[in-house]
Amino acid sequence: MREQEIQNQIRVAVSAAGCTIFRANVGKVEMKNGRWFDTGLPQGFPDLFGFRHSDGSIFFIECKNETGRPRADQIKFHKFLMKQHTIHGIARSPEDALKIINEGLVGYGFK
């Protein structure tokens, strides 16, 4: 399954589980005038982020397919989140994402 499909399934499942979740659009696009537009998010920012309605805790989810591995910039962002003790992890399925969020896991799926 493609990461985009996994991401969409995660968004539906997490929304249904009492959370607000957003998709982070990151990257650069060349505009018609030749200038580059950058979304402004840091390199390595996870695919999805949101908060639990139950307690307002924020979370970050990096979506990967069954063989996907985090890039160097994603590992760097993971290390930053680890220092902050922030809920985050790699989800390869909606079940992974719900586990990360509901159990408040910090760094799930990263080595």
N, C-alpha and C. Protein backbone atom coordinates (compact mmCIF):
# COMPACT_ATOMS: atom_id res chain seq x y z
N MET A 1 0.84 -1.18 0.00
CA MET A 1 0.00 0.00 0.00
C MET A 1 0.89 1.25 0.00
N ARG A 2 0.47 2.27 -0.70
CA ARG A 2 1.22 3.53 -0.78
C ARG A 2 1.08 4.32 0.52
N GLU A 3 2.10 5.13 0.82
CA GLU A 3 2.08 5.94 2.03
C GLU A 3 0.89 6.89 2.05
N GLN A 4 0.52 7.42 0.89
CA GLN A 4 -0.62 8.34 0.82
C GLN A 4 -1.91 7.64 1.27
N GLU A 5 -2.09 6.40 0.85
CA GLU A 5 -3.29 5.65 1.25
C GLU A 5 -3.27 5.38 2.76
N ILE A 6 -2.11 5.01 3.28
CA ILE A 6 -1.98 4.78 4.72
C ILE A 6 -2.28 6.06 5.48
N GLN A 7 -1.73 7.16 4.99
CA GLN A 7 -1.95 8.46 5.62
C GLN A 7 -3.43 8.81 5.68
N ASN A 8 -4.14 8.59 4.59
CA ASN A 8 -5.57 8.89 4.56
C ASN A 8 -6.35 8.01 5.53
N GLN A 9 -6.00 6.73 5.60
CA GLN A 9 -6.66 5.82 6.55
C GLN A 9 -6.39 6.26 7.99
N ILE A 10 -5.18 6.70 8.26
CA ILE A 10 -4.82 7.17 9.60
C ILE A 10 -5.63 8.42 9.95
N ARG A 11 -5.75 9.34 9.03
CA ARG A 11 -6.50 10.58 9.29
C ARG A 11 -7.95 10.27 9.66
N VAL A 12 -8.57 9.35 8.96
CA VAL A 12 -9.96 8.98 9.25
C VAL A 12 -10.06 8.31 10.62
N ALA A 13 -9.18 7.35 10.90
CA ALA A 13 -9.24 6.61 12.16
C ALA A 13 -8.96 7.50 13.36
N VAL A 14 -7.98 8.37 13.25
CA VAL A 14 -7.61 9.25 14.37
C VAL A 14 -8.71 10.28 14.63
N SER A 15 -9.30 10.80 13.57
CA SER A 15 -10.42 11.75 13.73
C SER A 15 -11.60 11.08 14.43
N ALA A 16 -11.87 9.84 14.08
CA ALA A 16 -12.98 9.10 14.69
C ALA A 16 -12.71 8.73 16.14
N ALA A 17 -11.43 8.79 16.55
CA ALA A 17 -11.04 8.38 17.90
C ALA A 17 -10.92 9.57 18.86
N GLY A 18 -11.50 10.69 18.51
CA GLY A 18 -11.52 11.82 19.43
C GLY A 18 -10.29 12.70 19.40
N CYS A 19 -9.73 12.88 18.22
CA CYS A 19 -8.56 13.75 18.06
C CYS A 19 -8.78 14.67 16.86
N THR A 20 -8.08 15.78 16.88
CA THR A 20 -8.00 16.63 15.70
C THR A 20 -6.65 16.35 15.06
N ILE A 21 -6.65 16.14 13.75
CA ILE A 21 -5.41 15.79 13.05
C ILE A 21 -5.31 16.61 11.77
N PHE A 22 -4.08 17.03 11.47
CA PHE A 22 -3.81 17.84 10.29
C PHE A 22 -2.72 17.18 9.46
N ARG A 23 -2.80 17.39 8.15
CA ARG A 23 -1.75 16.94 7.23
C ARG A 23 -0.79 18.10 7.02
N ALA A 24 0.49 17.84 7.16
CA ALA A 24 1.51 18.86 6.94
C ALA A 24 1.97 18.80 5.49
N ASN A 25 1.73 19.85 4.76
CA ASN A 25 2.23 19.94 3.39
C ASN A 25 3.60 20.59 3.45
N VAL A 26 4.61 19.83 3.13
CA VAL A 26 5.97 20.35 3.18
C VAL A 26 6.62 20.24 1.82
N GLY A 27 7.57 21.11 1.58
CA GLY A 27 8.31 21.05 0.33
C GLY A 27 8.40 22.41 -0.32
N LYS A 28 8.99 22.41 -1.49
CA LYS A 28 9.17 23.63 -2.27
C LYS A 28 8.50 23.46 -3.62
N VAL A 29 7.98 24.57 -4.13
CA VAL A 29 7.33 24.58 -5.43
C VAL A 29 7.85 25.78 -6.21
N GLU A 30 8.18 25.56 -7.47
CA GLU A 30 8.59 26.68 -8.31
C GLU A 30 7.33 27.35 -8.87
N MET A 31 7.23 28.65 -8.64
CA MET A 31 6.07 29.40 -9.10
C MET A 31 6.28 29.82 -10.56
N LYS A 32 5.21 30.31 -11.19
CA LYS A 32 5.27 30.70 -12.60
C LYS A 32 6.33 31.77 -12.86
N ASN A 33 6.56 32.64 -11.88
CA ASN A 33 7.54 33.71 -12.07
C ASN A 33 8.98 33.25 -11.84
N GLY A 34 9.18 31.94 -11.60
CA GLY A 34 10.51 31.38 -11.43
C GLY A 34 11.02 31.38 -10.00
N ARG A 35 10.30 32.03 -9.10
CA ARG A 35 10.71 32.05 -7.69
C ARG A 35 10.23 30.78 -7.01
N TRP A 36 10.91 30.42 -5.91
CA TRP A 36 10.55 29.22 -5.16
C TRP A 36 9.71 29.60 -3.97
N PHE A 37 8.67 28.80 -3.72
CA PHE A 37 7.83 28.96 -2.53
C PHE A 37 8.12 27.79 -1.61
N ASP A 38 8.47 28.10 -0.36
CA ASP A 38 8.75 27.09 0.66
C ASP A 38 7.63 27.14 1.68
N THR A 39 7.11 25.98 2.09
CA THR A 39 5.98 25.95 3.01
C THR A 39 6.31 26.51 4.37
N GLY A 40 7.58 26.57 4.72
CA GLY A 40 7.95 27.17 5.99
C GLY A 40 8.11 26.18 7.13
N LEU A 41 7.65 24.95 6.97
CA LEU A 41 7.84 23.96 8.02
C LEU A 41 9.28 23.47 7.99
N PRO A 42 9.83 23.09 9.16
CA PRO A 42 11.21 22.61 9.18
C PRO A 42 11.38 21.32 8.38
N GLN A 43 12.58 21.10 7.88
CA GLN A 43 12.86 19.85 7.18
C GLN A 43 12.68 18.70 8.15
N GLY A 44 12.10 17.62 7.67
CA GLY A 44 11.87 16.45 8.50
C GLY A 44 10.59 16.49 9.31
N PHE A 45 9.79 17.56 9.15
CA PHE A 45 8.53 17.67 9.89
C PHE A 45 7.64 16.48 9.52
N PRO A 46 7.03 15.82 10.51
CA PRO A 46 6.21 14.64 10.22
C PRO A 46 5.00 14.94 9.33
N ASP A 47 4.48 13.87 8.72
CA ASP A 47 3.37 13.98 7.77
C ASP A 47 2.09 14.50 8.42
N LEU A 48 1.83 14.05 9.64
CA LEU A 48 0.58 14.39 10.33
C LEU A 48 0.89 14.89 11.74
N PHE A 49 0.04 15.78 12.21
CA PHE A 49 0.17 16.26 13.59
C PHE A 49 -1.21 16.65 14.09
N GLY A 50 -1.37 16.67 15.40
CA GLY A 50 -2.67 17.01 15.95
C GLY A 50 -2.65 16.98 17.45
N PHE A 51 -3.86 16.89 18.04
CA PHE A 51 -3.96 16.85 19.49
C PHE A 51 -5.13 15.98 19.92
N ARG A 52 -4.99 15.43 21.13
CA ARG A 52 -6.05 14.61 21.72
C ARG A 52 -7.06 15.54 22.38
N HIS A 53 -8.33 15.33 22.12
CA HIS A 53 -9.37 16.13 22.76
C HIS A 53 -9.43 15.89 24.26
N SER A 54 -9.06 14.68 24.69
CA SER A 54 -9.18 14.30 26.10
C SER A 54 -8.31 15.15 27.02
N ASP A 55 -7.11 15.51 26.55
CA ASP A 55 -6.20 16.26 27.44
C ASP A 55 -5.38 17.33 26.71
N GLY A 56 -5.62 17.50 25.42
CA GLY A 56 -4.91 18.53 24.67
C GLY A 56 -3.48 18.18 24.29
N SER A 57 -3.04 16.95 24.57
CA SER A 57 -1.67 16.56 24.24
C SER A 57 -1.46 16.54 22.73
N ILE A 58 -0.36 17.13 22.30
CA ILE A 58 -0.04 17.18 20.88
C ILE A 58 0.71 15.91 20.47
N PHE A 59 0.56 15.54 19.22
CA PHE A 59 1.27 14.36 18.70
C PHE A 59 1.70 14.61 17.26
N PHE A 60 2.71 13.86 16.84
CA PHE A 60 3.24 13.92 15.48
C PHE A 60 3.36 12.49 14.96
N ILE A 61 2.90 12.27 13.73
CA ILE A 61 2.92 10.94 13.12
C ILE A 61 3.64 10.99 11.77
N GLU A 62 4.68 10.18 11.64
CA GLU A 62 5.37 10.01 10.35
C GLU A 62 4.81 8.74 9.72
N CYS A 63 4.23 8.86 8.54
CA CYS A 63 3.61 7.71 7.86
C CYS A 63 4.63 7.03 6.95
N LYS A 64 4.70 5.72 7.05
CA LYS A 64 5.58 4.92 6.20
C LYS A 64 4.84 3.66 5.77
N ASN A 65 5.18 3.16 4.58
CA ASN A 65 4.63 1.86 4.19
C ASN A 65 5.42 0.77 4.89
N GLU A 66 5.15 -0.48 4.56
CA GLU A 66 5.76 -1.59 5.31
C GLU A 66 7.29 -1.64 5.19
N THR A 67 7.85 -1.06 4.15
CA THR A 67 9.31 -1.09 3.99
C THR A 67 9.96 0.29 4.11
N GLY A 68 9.15 1.33 4.29
CA GLY A 68 9.68 2.69 4.34
C GLY A 68 10.57 2.95 5.54
N ARG A 69 11.63 3.73 5.30
CA ARG A 69 12.57 4.07 6.36
C ARG A 69 12.65 5.59 6.49
N PRO A 70 12.87 6.09 7.70
CA PRO A 70 12.97 7.54 7.87
C PRO A 70 14.24 8.10 7.23
N ARG A 71 14.11 9.29 6.64
CA ARG A 71 15.25 10.00 6.06
C ARG A 71 16.07 10.64 7.19
N ALA A 72 17.25 11.10 6.86
CA ALA A 72 18.13 11.73 7.85
C ALA A 72 17.46 12.94 8.50
N ASP A 73 16.77 13.77 7.71
CA ASP A 73 16.13 14.95 8.29
C ASP A 73 14.96 14.56 9.20
N GLN A 74 14.30 13.45 8.91
CA GLN A 74 13.22 12.97 9.78
C GLN A 74 13.78 12.42 11.08
N ILE A 75 14.93 11.78 11.02
CA ILE A 75 15.58 11.29 12.24
C ILE A 75 16.03 12.47 13.10
N LYS A 76 16.52 13.51 12.47
CA LYS A 76 16.92 14.72 13.22
C LYS A 76 15.72 15.33 13.93
N PHE A 77 14.58 15.43 13.24
CA PHE A 77 13.38 15.98 13.87
C PHE A 77 12.91 15.07 14.99
N HIS A 78 13.00 13.76 14.81
CA HIS A 78 12.66 12.78 15.85
C HIS A 78 13.51 13.02 17.09
N LYS A 79 14.80 13.24 16.92
CA LYS A 79 15.68 13.48 18.07
C LYS A 79 15.27 14.75 18.81
N PHE A 80 14.87 15.77 18.07
CA PHE A 80 14.37 17.00 18.69
C PHE A 80 13.12 16.71 19.53
N LEU A 81 12.18 15.95 18.96
CA LEU A 81 10.95 15.60 19.69
C LEU A 81 11.25 14.73 20.90
N MET A 82 12.25 13.88 20.81
CA MET A 82 12.65 13.05 21.96
C MET A 82 13.10 13.93 23.12
N LYS A 83 13.89 14.95 22.82
CA LYS A 83 14.38 15.86 23.87
C LYS A 83 13.23 16.59 24.56
N GLN A 84 12.14 16.80 23.82
CA GLN A 84 10.98 17.50 24.36
C GLN A 84 9.96 16.54 24.99
N HIS A 85 10.24 15.24 24.91
CA HIS A 85 9.32 14.21 25.42
C HIS A 85 7.93 14.35 24.80
N THR A 86 7.92 14.55 23.48
CA THR A 86 6.69 14.78 22.74
C THR A 86 6.20 13.47 22.11
N ILE A 87 4.90 13.25 22.17
CA ILE A 87 4.29 12.06 21.57
C ILE A 87 4.53 12.08 20.06
N HIS A 88 5.17 11.02 19.57
CA HIS A 88 5.42 10.92 18.13
C HIS A 88 5.89 9.52 17.79
N GLY A 89 5.83 9.20 16.49
CA GLY A 89 6.32 7.91 16.05
C GLY A 89 6.04 7.67 14.59
N ILE A 90 6.51 6.52 14.14
CA ILE A 90 6.28 6.07 12.78
C ILE A 90 5.07 5.14 12.79
N ALA A 91 4.10 5.44 11.93
CA ALA A 91 2.91 4.60 11.81
C ALA A 91 2.87 3.99 10.42
N ARG A 92 2.70 2.69 10.38
CA ARG A 92 2.57 1.96 9.12
C ARG A 92 1.13 1.51 8.89
N SER A 93 0.25 1.90 9.83
CA SER A 93 -1.16 1.54 9.76
C SER A 93 -1.94 2.45 10.70
N PRO A 94 -3.26 2.50 10.55
CA PRO A 94 -4.07 3.25 11.51
C PRO A 94 -3.90 2.72 12.93
N GLU A 95 -3.72 1.41 13.06
CA GLU A 95 -3.54 0.82 14.39
C GLU A 95 -2.27 1.34 15.06
N ASP A 96 -1.19 1.45 14.29
CA ASP A 96 0.05 2.03 14.83
C ASP A 96 -0.18 3.45 15.31
N ALA A 97 -0.85 4.25 14.49
CA ALA A 97 -1.09 5.65 14.85
C ALA A 97 -1.90 5.75 16.13
N LEU A 98 -2.96 4.96 16.24
CA LEU A 98 -3.79 4.99 17.44
C LEU A 98 -3.01 4.53 18.67
N LYS A 99 -2.14 3.56 18.49
CA LYS A 99 -1.29 3.09 19.60
C LYS A 99 -0.38 4.23 20.08
N ILE A 100 0.28 4.91 19.15
CA ILE A 100 1.16 6.02 19.49
C ILE A 100 0.39 7.09 20.27
N ILE A 101 -0.77 7.46 19.75
CA ILE A 101 -1.55 8.54 20.34
C ILE A 101 -2.17 8.13 21.67
N ASN A 102 -2.87 7.01 21.69
CA ASN A 102 -3.59 6.61 22.90
C ASN A 102 -2.67 6.25 24.06
N GLU A 103 -1.51 5.66 23.74
CA GLU A 103 -0.58 5.26 24.80
C GLU A 103 0.46 6.34 25.10
N GLY A 104 0.40 7.45 24.35
CA GLY A 104 1.34 8.54 24.58
C GLY A 104 2.79 8.15 24.34
N LEU A 105 3.03 7.37 23.30
CA LEU A 105 4.37 6.85 23.03
C LEU A 105 5.27 7.94 22.46
N VAL A 106 6.52 7.92 22.86
CA VAL A 106 7.51 8.90 22.42
C VAL A 106 8.59 8.17 21.63
N GLY A 107 8.58 8.35 20.30
CA GLY A 107 9.60 7.76 19.45
C GLY A 107 9.29 6.39 18.91
N TYR A 108 8.02 5.98 18.96
CA TYR A 108 7.62 4.65 18.49
C TYR A 108 8.06 4.44 17.04
N GLY A 109 8.72 3.31 16.78
CA GLY A 109 9.11 2.93 15.42
C GLY A 109 10.47 3.45 14.97
N PHE A 110 11.04 4.40 15.70
CA PHE A 110 12.39 4.87 15.39
C PHE A 110 13.37 3.99 16.14
N LYS A 111 14.58 3.85 15.62
CA LYS A 111 15.61 3.04 16.30
C LYS A 111 16.42 3.90 17.23
